[in-house]
Every structure is written in C-alpha cells, then in structure tokens.
C-alpha cells in the first residue's frame, strides 16, 4: 500500500498527534514521545500497531506525541492519519 505523509490529532491535553510517513524498511517504526510512556508506552504502541495492521498498513514510519490520550482516541487519530496517508476511506467500505 502506497503512503504519503499525513498527520492527525492535536497537542491538547487528552489527545495524541500521529504523523505517518513512508518507510524504506519493512515493518512499523514507532517513535513515541509521552510523559506517561513509562507506565503506558507498551499499550500505546500496541494500539497503534493493531490499528495500522487492521487497515492493511505494515510498512510506515510513525511519530506519536501523546498528551494522555485514551485508547479510543489513539485508534481514532491513527485511523484518520492512515486515511489521509493512503487516500482510502475506511468508513465507506
């Protein structure tokens, strides 16, 4: 699946900024910045990976800046960024 660079989310409290870009290497490379990464970093990464793989994206560079987002918000922002990056509207299919 071809990707272009895309972003979704804000830097507001309770949100997460997701930036997706094409990657030369196989796999999902996730760079996470979060003040709660020590406690919740593994869960945040898990939600990002599951969401992207569920949308058929297995090769991407992902930069996530978390401001205390819940899992549902993380899924929504990753999905929005993926739709923008691929041009595929997952809500119509």
C-alpha atoms as a PDB file:
ATOM      1  CA  UNK A   1       0.000   0.000   0.000  1.00  0.00           C
ATOM      2  CA  UNK A   2       1.451   3.357  -1.013  1.00  0.00           C
ATOM      3  CA  UNK A   3       1.668   6.025   1.657  1.00  0.00           C
ATOM      4  CA  UNK A   4       2.242   9.738   1.671  1.00  0.00           C
ATOM      5  CA  UNK A   5       3.000  11.817   4.751  1.00  0.00           C
ATOM      6  CA  UNK A   6      -0.064  12.614   6.877  1.00  0.00           C
ATOM      7  CA  UNK A   7      -0.942  13.918  10.330  1.00  0.00           C
ATOM      8  CA  UNK A   8      -3.935  13.702  12.664  1.00  0.00           C
ATOM      9  CA  UNK A   9      -4.571  14.916  16.196  1.00  0.00           C
ATOM     10  CA  UNK A  10      -3.562  17.876  18.312  1.00  0.00           C
ATOM     11  CA  UNK A  11      -1.154  18.714  21.089  1.00  0.00           C
ATOM     12  CA  UNK A  12      -4.014  19.377  23.515  1.00  0.00           C
ATOM     13  CA  UNK A  13      -4.312  17.542  26.808  1.00  0.00           C
ATOM     14  CA  UNK A  14      -6.069  14.184  26.391  1.00  0.00           C
ATOM     15  CA  UNK A  15      -5.118  13.913  22.699  1.00  0.00           C
ATOM     16  CA  UNK A  16      -2.323  12.432  20.607  1.00  0.00           C
ATOM     17  CA  UNK A  17      -0.604  13.750  17.481  1.00  0.00           C
ATOM     18  CA  UNK A  18       0.049  10.986  14.951  1.00  0.00           C
ATOM     19  CA  UNK A  19       2.362  11.541  11.985  1.00  0.00           C
ATOM     20  CA  UNK A  20       2.660   8.784   9.380  1.00  0.00           C
ATOM     21  CA  UNK A  21       5.269   8.717   6.623  1.00  0.00           C
ATOM     22  CA  UNK A  22       6.544   6.178   4.088  1.00  0.00           C
ATOM     23  CA  UNK A  23       9.357   3.939   5.305  1.00  0.00           C
ATOM     24  CA  UNK A  24      12.068   2.153   3.325  1.00  0.00           C
ATOM     25  CA  UNK A  25      12.451  -0.629   5.886  1.00  0.00           C
ATOM     26  CA  UNK A  26       9.904  -3.387   6.414  1.00  0.00           C
ATOM     27  CA  UNK A  27       7.691  -3.066   9.477  1.00  0.00           C
ATOM     28  CA  UNK A  28       6.245  -0.282  11.571  1.00  0.00           C
ATOM     29  CA  UNK A  29       8.809   2.020  13.152  1.00  0.00           C
ATOM     30  CA  UNK A  30       7.099   3.830  16.036  1.00  0.00           C
ATOM     31  CA  UNK A  31       8.700   6.799  17.761  1.00  0.00           C
ATOM     32  CA  UNK A  32       6.646   7.598  20.863  1.00  0.00           C
ATOM     33  CA  UNK A  33       7.005  10.715  22.983  1.00  0.00           C
ATOM     34  CA  UNK A  34       4.816  10.699  26.063  1.00  0.00           C
ATOM     35  CA  UNK A  35       5.104  11.776  29.673  1.00  0.00           C
ATOM     36  CA  UNK A  36       3.366   8.507  30.585  1.00  0.00           C
ATOM     37  CA  UNK A  37       5.458   6.259  28.310  1.00  0.00           C
ATOM     38  CA  UNK A  38       6.989   4.502  31.306  1.00  0.00           C
ATOM     39  CA  UNK A  39       3.565   3.325  32.501  1.00  0.00           C
ATOM     40  CA  UNK A  40       1.565   3.111  29.259  1.00  0.00           C
ATOM     41  CA  UNK A  41       4.089   3.126  26.395  1.00  0.00           C
ATOM     42  CA  UNK A  42       3.662  -0.569  25.557  1.00  0.00           C
ATOM     43  CA  UNK A  43      -0.133  -0.199  25.431  1.00  0.00           C
ATOM     44  CA  UNK A  44       0.049   2.946  23.266  1.00  0.00           C
ATOM     45  CA  UNK A  45       2.381   1.188  20.804  1.00  0.00           C
ATOM     46  CA  UNK A  46       0.138  -1.900  20.799  1.00  0.00           C
ATOM     47  CA  UNK A  47      -2.943   0.171  19.902  1.00  0.00           C
ATOM     48  CA  UNK A  48      -1.049   1.965  17.116  1.00  0.00           C
ATOM     49  CA  UNK A  49       0.264  -1.302  15.619  1.00  0.00           C
ATOM     50  CA  UNK A  50      -3.088  -3.118  15.856  1.00  0.00           C
ATOM     51  CA  UNK A  51      -4.908  -0.204  14.243  1.00  0.00           C
ATOM     52  CA  UNK A  52      -2.458   0.170  11.362  1.00  0.00           C
ATOM     53  CA  UNK A  53      -2.260  -3.570  10.691  1.00  0.00           C
ATOM     54  CA  UNK A  54      -6.052  -3.752  10.768  1.00  0.00           C
ATOM     55  CA  UNK A  55      -6.068  -1.148   7.994  1.00  0.00           C
ATOM     56  CA  UNK A  56      -3.513  -3.109   5.965  1.00  0.00           C
ATOM     57  CA  UNK A  57      -0.545  -0.848   6.698  1.00  0.00           C
ATOM     58  CA  UNK A  58       2.532  -2.885   7.601  1.00  0.00           C
ATOM     59  CA  UNK A  59       5.323  -0.521   6.496  1.00  0.00           C
ATOM     60  CA  UNK A  60       5.430   3.011   7.866  1.00  0.00           C
ATOM     61  CA  UNK A  61       7.327   5.494   9.979  1.00  0.00           C
ATOM     62  CA  UNK A  62       5.071   6.679  12.823  1.00  0.00           C
ATOM     63  CA  UNK A  63       5.807   9.560  15.164  1.00  0.00           C
ATOM     64  CA  UNK A  64       3.366   9.800  18.076  1.00  0.00           C
ATOM     65  CA  UNK A  65       3.295  12.645  20.592  1.00  0.00           C
ATOM     66  CA  UNK A  66       0.931  11.644  23.370  1.00  0.00           C
ATOM     67  CA  UNK A  67      -0.730  14.045  25.793  1.00  0.00           C
ATOM     68  CA  UNK A  68      -2.665  11.472  27.814  1.00  0.00           C
ATOM     69  CA  UNK A  69      -4.961  10.055  25.120  1.00  0.00           C
ATOM     70  CA  UNK A  70      -7.240   7.112  25.829  1.00  0.00           C
ATOM     71  CA  UNK A  71      -7.090   4.015  23.611  1.00  0.00           C
ATOM     72  CA  UNK A  72     -10.220   5.050  21.683  1.00  0.00           C
ATOM     73  CA  UNK A  73      -8.653   8.431  20.887  1.00  0.00           C
ATOM     74  CA  UNK A  74      -5.403   6.790  19.787  1.00  0.00           C
ATOM     75  CA  UNK A  75      -7.349   4.462  17.435  1.00  0.00           C
ATOM     76  CA  UNK A  76      -9.317   7.380  16.008  1.00  0.00           C
ATOM     77  CA  UNK A  77      -6.212   9.512  15.367  1.00  0.00           C
ATOM     78  CA  UNK A  78      -4.249   6.623  13.835  1.00  0.00           C
ATOM     79  CA  UNK A  79      -7.201   5.776  11.594  1.00  0.00           C
ATOM     80  CA  UNK A  80      -7.603   9.397  10.484  1.00  0.00           C
ATOM     81  CA  UNK A  81      -3.887   9.708   9.708  1.00  0.00           C
ATOM     82  CA  UNK A  82      -3.952   6.403   7.809  1.00  0.00           C
ATOM     83  CA  UNK A  83      -6.932   7.516   5.714  1.00  0.00           C
ATOM     84  CA  UNK A  84      -5.119  10.740   4.858  1.00  0.00           C
ATOM     85  CA  UNK A  85      -1.877   8.870   4.105  1.00  0.00           C
ATOM     86  CA  UNK A  86      -3.442   6.256   1.831  1.00  0.00           C
ATOM     87  CA  UNK A  87      -6.418   8.079   0.347  1.00  0.00           C
ATOM     88  CA  UNK A  88      -8.545   5.034   1.194  1.00  0.00           C
ATOM     89  CA  UNK A  89     -11.723   5.929   3.072  1.00  0.00           C
ATOM     90  CA  UNK A  90     -12.200   3.109   5.565  1.00  0.00           C
ATOM     91  CA  UNK A  91     -15.629   4.377   6.578  1.00  0.00           C
ATOM     92  CA  UNK A  92     -17.158   3.860   3.114  1.00  0.00           C
ATOM     93  CA  UNK A  93     -16.039   0.267   2.562  1.00  0.00           C
END
